Amino acid sequence: MSPELQYLWIMARGHLARARDDERGVSAVEWVIITAVLIALAVGVGVVISSEVNDKANTISIE
């Protein structure tokens, strides 16, 4: 292998090793998951409240 290709190979392996060991993105993924769960809970609570309010509103007589 030529010295130029060896150099490129070594540099590529170094970049891959640093990218694989970098854990900065892990916390971002955790925050996205936590946020998604909280949004899902909020939507679920909103659906339940809306359903209960509509059920109560339908029982009101307008006579």
C-alpha atoms as a PDB file:
ATOM      1  CA  MET A   1       0.000   0.000   0.000  1.00  0.00           C
ATOM      2  CA  SER A   2       1.299   3.427  -0.881  1.00  0.00           C
ATOM      3  CA  PRO A   3       2.173   5.866   1.899  1.00  0.00           C
ATOM      4  CA  GLU A   4      -0.660   8.168   0.830  1.00  0.00           C
ATOM      5  CA  LEU A   5      -3.247   5.394   1.151  1.00  0.00           C
ATOM      6  CA  GLN A   6      -1.790   4.319   4.480  1.00  0.00           C
ATOM      7  CA  TYR A   7      -2.073   7.878   5.736  1.00  0.00           C
ATOM      8  CA  LEU A   8      -5.698   8.141   4.564  1.00  0.00           C
ATOM      9  CA  TRP A   9      -6.504   4.761   6.138  1.00  0.00           C
ATOM     10  CA  ILE A  10      -4.989   5.795   9.485  1.00  0.00           C
ATOM     11  CA  MET A  11      -6.806   9.141   9.425  1.00  0.00           C
ATOM     12  CA  ALA A  12     -10.142   7.485   8.587  1.00  0.00           C
ATOM     13  CA  ARG A  13      -9.734   4.969  11.408  1.00  0.00           C
ATOM     14  CA  GLY A  14      -8.938   7.802  13.815  1.00  0.00           C
ATOM     15  CA  HIS A  15     -12.038   9.757  12.796  1.00  0.00           C
ATOM     16  CA  LEU A  16     -14.230   6.679  13.133  1.00  0.00           C
ATOM     17  CA  ALA A  17     -12.810   5.866  16.568  1.00  0.00           C
ATOM     18  CA  ARG A  18     -13.446   9.422  17.806  1.00  0.00           C
ATOM     19  CA  ALA A  19     -16.987   9.416  16.406  1.00  0.00           C
ATOM     20  CA  ARG A  20     -17.720   6.047  17.995  1.00  0.00           C
ATOM     21  CA  ASP A  21     -16.416   7.151  21.407  1.00  0.00           C
ATOM     22  CA  ASP A  22     -18.171  10.537  21.367  1.00  0.00           C
ATOM     23  CA  GLU A  23     -21.074  10.479  23.829  1.00  0.00           C
ATOM     24  CA  ARG A  24     -22.251  14.076  23.501  1.00  0.00           C
ATOM     25  CA  GLY A  25     -25.224  13.070  21.349  1.00  0.00           C
ATOM     26  CA  VAL A  26     -26.435  10.545  23.901  1.00  0.00           C
ATOM     27  CA  SER A  27     -27.808  13.184  26.247  1.00  0.00           C
ATOM     28  CA  ALA A  28     -29.615  14.866  23.351  1.00  0.00           C
ATOM     29  CA  VAL A  29     -31.309  11.581  22.479  1.00  0.00           C
ATOM     30  CA  GLU A  30     -32.320  11.115  26.108  1.00  0.00           C
ATOM     31  CA  TRP A  31     -33.877  14.585  26.190  1.00  0.00           C
ATOM     32  CA  VAL A  32     -35.789  13.876  22.973  1.00  0.00           C
ATOM     33  CA  ILE A  33     -37.180  10.645  24.447  1.00  0.00           C
ATOM     34  CA  ILE A  34     -38.151  12.327  27.729  1.00  0.00           C
ATOM     35  CA  THR A  35     -39.822  15.180  25.848  1.00  0.00           C
ATOM     36  CA  ALA A  36     -41.723  12.763  23.595  1.00  0.00           C
ATOM     37  CA  VAL A  37     -43.013  10.827  26.611  1.00  0.00           C
ATOM     38  CA  LEU A  38     -44.145  14.028  28.336  1.00  0.00           C
ATOM     39  CA  ILE A  39     -45.903  15.226  25.182  1.00  0.00           C
ATOM     40  CA  ALA A  40     -47.649  11.856  24.821  1.00  0.00           C
ATOM     41  CA  LEU A  41     -48.817  12.066  28.445  1.00  0.00           C
ATOM     42  CA  ALA A  42     -50.087  15.619  27.952  1.00  0.00           C
ATOM     43  CA  VAL A  43     -51.998  14.614  24.816  1.00  0.00           C
ATOM     44  CA  GLY A  44     -53.483  11.619  26.636  1.00  0.00           C
ATOM     45  CA  VAL A  45     -54.645  13.787  29.539  1.00  0.00           C
ATOM     46  CA  GLY A  46     -56.077  16.310  27.077  1.00  0.00           C
ATOM     47  CA  VAL A  47     -58.040  13.600  25.265  1.00  0.00           C
ATOM     48  CA  VAL A  48     -59.479  12.270  28.534  1.00  0.00           C
ATOM     49  CA  ILE A  49     -60.478  15.744  29.737  1.00  0.00           C
ATOM     50  CA  SER A  50     -61.998  16.631  26.366  1.00  0.00           C
ATOM     51  CA  SER A  51     -63.972  13.395  26.318  1.00  0.00           C
ATOM     52  CA  GLU A  52     -65.310  13.964  29.841  1.00  0.00           C
ATOM     53  CA  VAL A  53     -66.284  17.563  29.080  1.00  0.00           C
ATOM     54  CA  ASN A  54     -68.078  16.529  25.881  1.00  0.00           C
ATOM     55  CA  ASP A  55     -69.930  13.747  27.701  1.00  0.00           C
ATOM     56  CA  LYS A  56     -71.080  16.182  30.400  1.00  0.00           C
ATOM     57  CA  ALA A  57     -72.033  18.792  27.785  1.00  0.00           C
ATOM     58  CA  ASN A  58     -74.182  16.246  25.939  1.00  0.00           C
ATOM     59  CA  THR A  59     -76.177  15.529  29.113  1.00  0.00           C
ATOM     60  CA  ILE A  60     -77.268  19.163  29.507  1.00  0.00           C
ATOM     61  CA  SER A  61     -80.877  19.617  28.467  1.00  0.00           C
ATOM     62  CA  ILE A  62     -81.668  22.766  26.533  1.00  0.00           C
ATOM     63  CA  GLU A  63     -85.437  22.751  27.128  1.00  0.00           C
END
